[in-house]
């Protein structure tokens, strides 16, 4: 998974049109990942949200105070983390210095791992 991190303080001051006007066109980059067979999906995320803990829901959670936050994601297929990093480095937002991509391998759900153990 390629998480998109950016400056939330700056983005909160913009309306949605202004937010996306600053971003470079991502369509060619996404198309290249689709064409290579590595793209599964992705989406920008709203700046607002909720933090949920055991005892409460925080409307303005700690993420409001933090400067950087997750503003989107892409799920890709990669042979290894190095290939995923190369794909992330080619992101136009990364190249323009507008965002950082956090590359995180996804772990199979526990139920999938248990089922594969049973079938082995």
C-alpha atoms as a PDB file:
ATOM      1  CA  UNK A   1       0.000   0.000   0.000  1.00  0.00           C
ATOM      2  CA  UNK A   2       1.248   3.456  -0.876  1.00  0.00           C
ATOM      3  CA  UNK A   3      -0.052   5.943   1.681  1.00  0.00           C
ATOM      4  CA  UNK A   4      -0.028   9.605   0.677  1.00  0.00           C
ATOM      5  CA  UNK A   5       1.106  11.965   3.443  1.00  0.00           C
ATOM      6  CA  UNK A   6       0.923  15.740   3.193  1.00  0.00           C
ATOM      7  CA  UNK A   7       0.764  18.958   5.208  1.00  0.00           C
ATOM      8  CA  UNK A   8      -2.713  18.970   6.781  1.00  0.00           C
ATOM      9  CA  UNK A   9      -2.363  22.517   8.133  1.00  0.00           C
ATOM     10  CA  UNK A  10      -1.946  23.838   4.613  1.00  0.00           C
ATOM     11  CA  UNK A  11      -4.693  21.652   3.141  1.00  0.00           C
ATOM     12  CA  UNK A  12      -7.248  22.613   5.824  1.00  0.00           C
ATOM     13  CA  UNK A  13      -7.049  26.221   4.635  1.00  0.00           C
ATOM     14  CA  UNK A  14      -8.118  25.243   1.107  1.00  0.00           C
ATOM     15  CA  UNK A  15     -11.487  24.259  -0.280  1.00  0.00           C
ATOM     16  CA  UNK A  16     -11.642  20.971  -2.225  1.00  0.00           C
ATOM     17  CA  UNK A  17     -11.142  22.641  -5.634  1.00  0.00           C
ATOM     18  CA  UNK A  18      -8.093  24.537  -4.366  1.00  0.00           C
ATOM     19  CA  UNK A  19      -6.736  21.384  -2.711  1.00  0.00           C
ATOM     20  CA  UNK A  20      -6.708  19.417  -5.957  1.00  0.00           C
ATOM     21  CA  UNK A  21      -5.634  22.394  -8.110  1.00  0.00           C
ATOM     22  CA  UNK A  22      -2.184  22.319  -6.456  1.00  0.00           C
ATOM     23  CA  UNK A  23      -1.668  18.649  -7.229  1.00  0.00           C
ATOM     24  CA  UNK A  24      -0.078  17.577 -10.492  1.00  0.00           C
ATOM     25  CA  UNK A  25      -2.065  15.402 -12.880  1.00  0.00           C
ATOM     26  CA  UNK A  26      -1.868  11.891 -11.500  1.00  0.00           C
ATOM     27  CA  UNK A  27      -3.670  10.145 -14.383  1.00  0.00           C
ATOM     28  CA  UNK A  28      -0.562   9.314 -16.454  1.00  0.00           C
ATOM     29  CA  UNK A  29       1.225   7.880 -13.419  1.00  0.00           C
ATOM     30  CA  UNK A  30      -1.802   5.759 -12.447  1.00  0.00           C
ATOM     31  CA  UNK A  31      -2.249   4.676 -16.086  1.00  0.00           C
ATOM     32  CA  UNK A  32       1.386   3.519 -16.215  1.00  0.00           C
ATOM     33  CA  UNK A  33       0.845   1.376 -13.095  1.00  0.00           C
ATOM     34  CA  UNK A  34      -2.384  -0.035 -14.557  1.00  0.00           C
ATOM     35  CA  UNK A  35      -0.615  -0.810 -17.852  1.00  0.00           C
ATOM     36  CA  UNK A  36       2.168  -2.621 -15.989  1.00  0.00           C
ATOM     37  CA  UNK A  37      -0.415  -4.797 -14.203  1.00  0.00           C
ATOM     38  CA  UNK A  38       0.608  -3.471 -10.783  1.00  0.00           C
ATOM     39  CA  UNK A  39      -2.399  -1.284  -9.918  1.00  0.00           C
ATOM     40  CA  UNK A  40      -5.280  -2.503  -7.740  1.00  0.00           C
ATOM     41  CA  UNK A  41      -6.937   0.777  -6.700  1.00  0.00           C
ATOM     42  CA  UNK A  42      -6.663   3.987  -4.764  1.00  0.00           C
ATOM     43  CA  UNK A  43      -8.475   7.080  -3.623  1.00  0.00           C
ATOM     44  CA  UNK A  44      -7.860  10.515  -2.105  1.00  0.00           C
ATOM     45  CA  UNK A  45      -9.207  10.862   1.444  1.00  0.00           C
ATOM     46  CA  UNK A  46     -11.115  13.699   3.104  1.00  0.00           C
ATOM     47  CA  UNK A  47      -9.126  15.888   5.479  1.00  0.00           C
ATOM     48  CA  UNK A  48     -11.791  15.488   8.187  1.00  0.00           C
ATOM     49  CA  UNK A  49     -12.354  12.312  10.139  1.00  0.00           C
ATOM     50  CA  UNK A  50     -12.765  10.762  13.565  1.00  0.00           C
ATOM     51  CA  UNK A  51     -10.416   8.971  15.903  1.00  0.00           C
ATOM     52  CA  UNK A  52     -12.139   6.154  17.765  1.00  0.00           C
ATOM     53  CA  UNK A  53     -10.790   4.815  21.031  1.00  0.00           C
ATOM     54  CA  UNK A  54     -12.180   2.299  23.501  1.00  0.00           C
ATOM     55  CA  UNK A  55     -14.186   4.879  25.411  1.00  0.00           C
ATOM     56  CA  UNK A  56     -14.834   7.785  23.076  1.00  0.00           C
ATOM     57  CA  UNK A  57     -14.967   9.252  19.595  1.00  0.00           C
ATOM     58  CA  UNK A  58     -12.799  12.285  19.062  1.00  0.00           C
ATOM     59  CA  UNK A  59     -14.154  14.733  16.482  1.00  0.00           C
ATOM     60  CA  UNK A  60     -11.016  16.820  16.399  1.00  0.00           C
ATOM     61  CA  UNK A  61      -8.615  14.055  17.388  1.00  0.00           C
ATOM     62  CA  UNK A  62      -4.863  14.392  17.724  1.00  0.00           C
ATOM     63  CA  UNK A  63      -4.553  14.429  13.944  1.00  0.00           C
ATOM     64  CA  UNK A  64      -5.877  18.024  13.995  1.00  0.00           C
ATOM     65  CA  UNK A  65      -2.808  19.044  15.965  1.00  0.00           C
ATOM     66  CA  UNK A  66      -0.372  17.142  13.795  1.00  0.00           C
ATOM     67  CA  UNK A  67       1.041  18.885  10.778  1.00  0.00           C
ATOM     68  CA  UNK A  68       1.241  15.836   8.535  1.00  0.00           C
ATOM     69  CA  UNK A  69      -1.464  13.270   7.847  1.00  0.00           C
ATOM     70  CA  UNK A  70      -2.694  10.636   5.407  1.00  0.00           C
ATOM     71  CA  UNK A  71      -4.605  12.192   2.495  1.00  0.00           C
ATOM     72  CA  UNK A  72      -4.937   9.187   0.202  1.00  0.00           C
ATOM     73  CA  UNK A  73      -3.765   5.728  -0.726  1.00  0.00           C
ATOM     74  CA  UNK A  74      -2.998   3.420  -3.632  1.00  0.00           C
ATOM     75  CA  UNK A  75      -2.908  -0.352  -3.453  1.00  0.00           C
ATOM     76  CA  UNK A  76      -0.444  -1.920  -5.844  1.00  0.00           C
ATOM     77  CA  UNK A  77       1.037  -5.312  -6.586  1.00  0.00           C
ATOM     78  CA  UNK A  78       4.816  -5.415  -6.339  1.00  0.00           C
ATOM     79  CA  UNK A  79       7.380  -8.201  -6.386  1.00  0.00           C
ATOM     80  CA  UNK A  80       9.029  -6.743  -3.287  1.00  0.00           C
ATOM     81  CA  UNK A  81       9.272  -3.537  -1.262  1.00  0.00           C
ATOM     82  CA  UNK A  82      12.063  -2.219  -3.503  1.00  0.00           C
ATOM     83  CA  UNK A  83       9.812  -2.341  -6.561  1.00  0.00           C
ATOM     84  CA  UNK A  84       7.036  -0.647  -4.570  1.00  0.00           C
ATOM     85  CA  UNK A  85       9.468   2.105  -3.544  1.00  0.00           C
ATOM     86  CA  UNK A  86      10.426   2.694  -7.189  1.00  0.00           C
ATOM     87  CA  UNK A  87       6.747   3.019  -8.119  1.00  0.00           C
ATOM     88  CA  UNK A  88       6.176   5.435  -5.203  1.00  0.00           C
ATOM     89  CA  UNK A  89       9.186   7.557  -6.186  1.00  0.00           C
ATOM     90  CA  UNK A  90       7.687   8.049  -9.660  1.00  0.00           C
ATOM     91  CA  UNK A  91       4.528   9.650  -8.179  1.00  0.00           C
ATOM     92  CA  UNK A  92       4.111  13.197  -9.542  1.00  0.00           C
ATOM     93  CA  UNK A  93       3.157  14.519  -6.083  1.00  0.00           C
ATOM     94  CA  UNK A  94       6.377  13.101  -4.644  1.00  0.00           C
ATOM     95  CA  UNK A  95       8.439  14.492  -7.520  1.00  0.00           C
ATOM     96  CA  UNK A  96       6.867  17.939  -7.016  1.00  0.00           C
ATOM     97  CA  UNK A  97       7.578  17.851  -3.274  1.00  0.00           C
ATOM     98  CA  UNK A  98       3.858  18.143  -2.425  1.00  0.00           C
ATOM     99  CA  UNK A  99       3.521  14.804  -0.654  1.00  0.00           C
ATOM    100  CA  UNK A 100       5.415  11.894   0.789  1.00  0.00           C
ATOM    101  CA  UNK A 101       4.553   8.283  -0.051  1.00  0.00           C
ATOM    102  CA  UNK A 102       4.768   5.790   2.785  1.00  0.00           C
ATOM    103  CA  UNK A 103       5.300   2.287   1.393  1.00  0.00           C
ATOM    104  CA  UNK A 104       3.780  -0.418   3.591  1.00  0.00           C
ATOM    105  CA  UNK A 105       3.431  -4.121   2.788  1.00  0.00           C
ATOM    106  CA  UNK A 106      -0.050  -5.450   3.466  1.00  0.00           C
ATOM    107  CA  UNK A 107      -0.348  -8.514   5.686  1.00  0.00           C
ATOM    108  CA  UNK A 108      -2.816 -11.280   4.885  1.00  0.00           C
ATOM    109  CA  UNK A 109      -5.800 -11.335   7.252  1.00  0.00           C
ATOM    110  CA  UNK A 110      -5.481 -13.870  10.059  1.00  0.00           C
ATOM    111  CA  UNK A 111      -8.387 -15.929   8.696  1.00  0.00           C
ATOM    112  CA  UNK A 112      -6.570 -16.288   5.347  1.00  0.00           C
ATOM    113  CA  UNK A 113      -3.382 -17.389   7.085  1.00  0.00           C
ATOM    114  CA  UNK A 114      -5.300 -19.916   9.188  1.00  0.00           C
ATOM    115  CA  UNK A 115      -7.040 -21.339   6.083  1.00  0.00           C
ATOM    116  CA  UNK A 116      -3.720 -21.707   4.246  1.00  0.00           C
ATOM    117  CA  UNK A 117      -2.250 -23.577   7.263  1.00  0.00           C
ATOM    118  CA  UNK A 118      -5.201 -25.981   7.244  1.00  0.00           C
ATOM    119  CA  UNK A 119      -4.772 -26.737   3.533  1.00  0.00           C
ATOM    120  CA  UNK A 120      -1.017 -27.399   3.809  1.00  0.00           C
END
